[in-house]
């Protein structure tokens, strides 16, 4: 893992060095997802976070990509019928 020492500005901003941005495909104005994992912060591009979520969804749902939506709608209908 590469590392670099950086400073946080008085306003709380942190500049990500260009080689790091290039390595993960970040462009100026691009969105990132920042996760807190214990005492570590992880920064990923929004596109990478979405791709990982989609991969997890495919693993969990397998051949039933609409299963989560179908299950949600069915549950909501059961709840509405009880009211």
Protein backbone atom coordinates (compact mmCIF):
# COMPACT_ATOMS: atom_id res chain seq x y z
CA UNK A 1 0.00 0.00 0.00
CA UNK A 2 1.31 3.43 -0.89
CA UNK A 3 1.04 6.20 1.64
CA UNK A 4 1.72 9.91 1.73
CA UNK A 5 1.74 12.49 4.46
CA UNK A 6 -0.78 15.31 4.00
CA UNK A 7 -2.19 18.20 6.00
CA UNK A 8 -5.77 19.12 6.71
CA UNK A 9 -6.46 22.81 6.11
CA UNK A 10 -7.94 25.02 8.85
CA UNK A 11 -11.31 24.68 7.08
CA UNK A 12 -11.09 20.86 7.26
CA UNK A 13 -10.22 20.25 3.62
CA UNK A 14 -7.85 17.54 2.52
CA UNK A 15 -6.26 17.48 -0.92
CA UNK A 16 -5.88 14.05 -2.48
CA UNK A 17 -2.60 13.85 -4.42
CA UNK A 18 -2.94 13.54 -8.20
CA UNK A 19 -1.29 10.09 -8.43
CA UNK A 20 -3.82 8.74 -5.93
CA UNK A 21 -6.76 10.32 -7.80
CA UNK A 22 -5.53 8.87 -11.08
CA UNK A 23 -5.03 5.43 -9.54
CA UNK A 24 -8.69 5.21 -8.53
CA UNK A 25 -10.16 7.13 -11.47
CA UNK A 26 -11.25 10.30 -9.68
CA UNK A 27 -11.87 13.39 -11.77
CA UNK A 28 -12.12 17.01 -10.61
CA UNK A 29 -15.60 17.50 -9.19
CA UNK A 30 -16.16 13.74 -8.93
CA UNK A 31 -18.11 12.30 -6.04
CA UNK A 32 -16.63 10.00 -3.44
CA UNK A 33 -17.93 7.82 -0.63
CA UNK A 34 -16.15 8.19 2.69
CA UNK A 35 -16.54 5.33 5.14
CA UNK A 36 -15.49 5.19 8.75
CA UNK A 37 -14.08 1.78 9.74
CA UNK A 38 -13.00 1.92 13.34
CA UNK A 39 -10.35 4.62 13.42
CA UNK A 40 -9.73 4.51 9.66
CA UNK A 41 -11.37 6.49 6.87
CA UNK A 42 -11.77 4.88 3.48
CA UNK A 43 -12.38 6.97 0.39
CA UNK A 44 -13.78 5.36 -2.76
CA UNK A 45 -15.17 6.78 -5.94
CA UNK A 46 -18.95 6.76 -6.09
CA UNK A 47 -18.75 4.56 -9.19
CA UNK A 48 -16.65 1.98 -7.29
CA UNK A 49 -19.03 2.00 -4.32
CA UNK A 50 -22.02 1.46 -6.62
CA UNK A 51 -20.21 -1.33 -8.52
CA UNK A 52 -19.42 -3.11 -5.25
CA UNK A 53 -23.02 -2.78 -4.05
CA UNK A 54 -24.28 -4.17 -7.36
CA UNK A 55 -21.86 -7.12 -7.15
CA UNK A 56 -23.03 -7.89 -3.61
CA UNK A 57 -26.64 -7.68 -4.74
CA UNK A 58 -25.99 -10.10 -7.60
CA UNK A 59 -24.31 -12.55 -5.20
CA UNK A 60 -27.19 -12.37 -2.73
CA UNK A 61 -30.05 -12.47 -5.24
CA UNK A 62 -28.51 -14.78 -7.82
CA UNK A 63 -30.93 -15.41 -10.65
CA UNK A 64 -33.70 -13.37 -9.01
CA UNK A 65 -32.64 -9.73 -9.57
CA UNK A 66 -36.11 -8.41 -8.73
CA UNK A 67 -36.48 -10.54 -5.61
CA UNK A 68 -35.73 -7.76 -3.16
CA UNK A 69 -38.26 -5.42 -4.78
CA UNK A 70 -40.88 -8.17 -5.06
CA UNK A 71 -40.38 -9.12 -1.41
CA UNK A 72 -40.64 -5.49 -0.32
CA UNK A 73 -43.87 -4.93 -2.27
CA UNK A 74 -45.37 -8.16 -0.93
CA UNK A 75 -44.52 -7.13 2.64
CA UNK A 76 -46.05 -3.69 2.16
CA UNK A 77 -49.24 -5.28 0.78
CA UNK A 78 -49.46 -7.61 3.79
CA UNK A 79 -49.05 -4.64 6.14
CA UNK A 80 -51.70 -2.62 4.26
CA UNK A 81 -54.13 -5.54 4.41
CA UNK A 82 -53.81 -5.61 8.20
CA UNK A 83 -54.83 -1.95 8.53
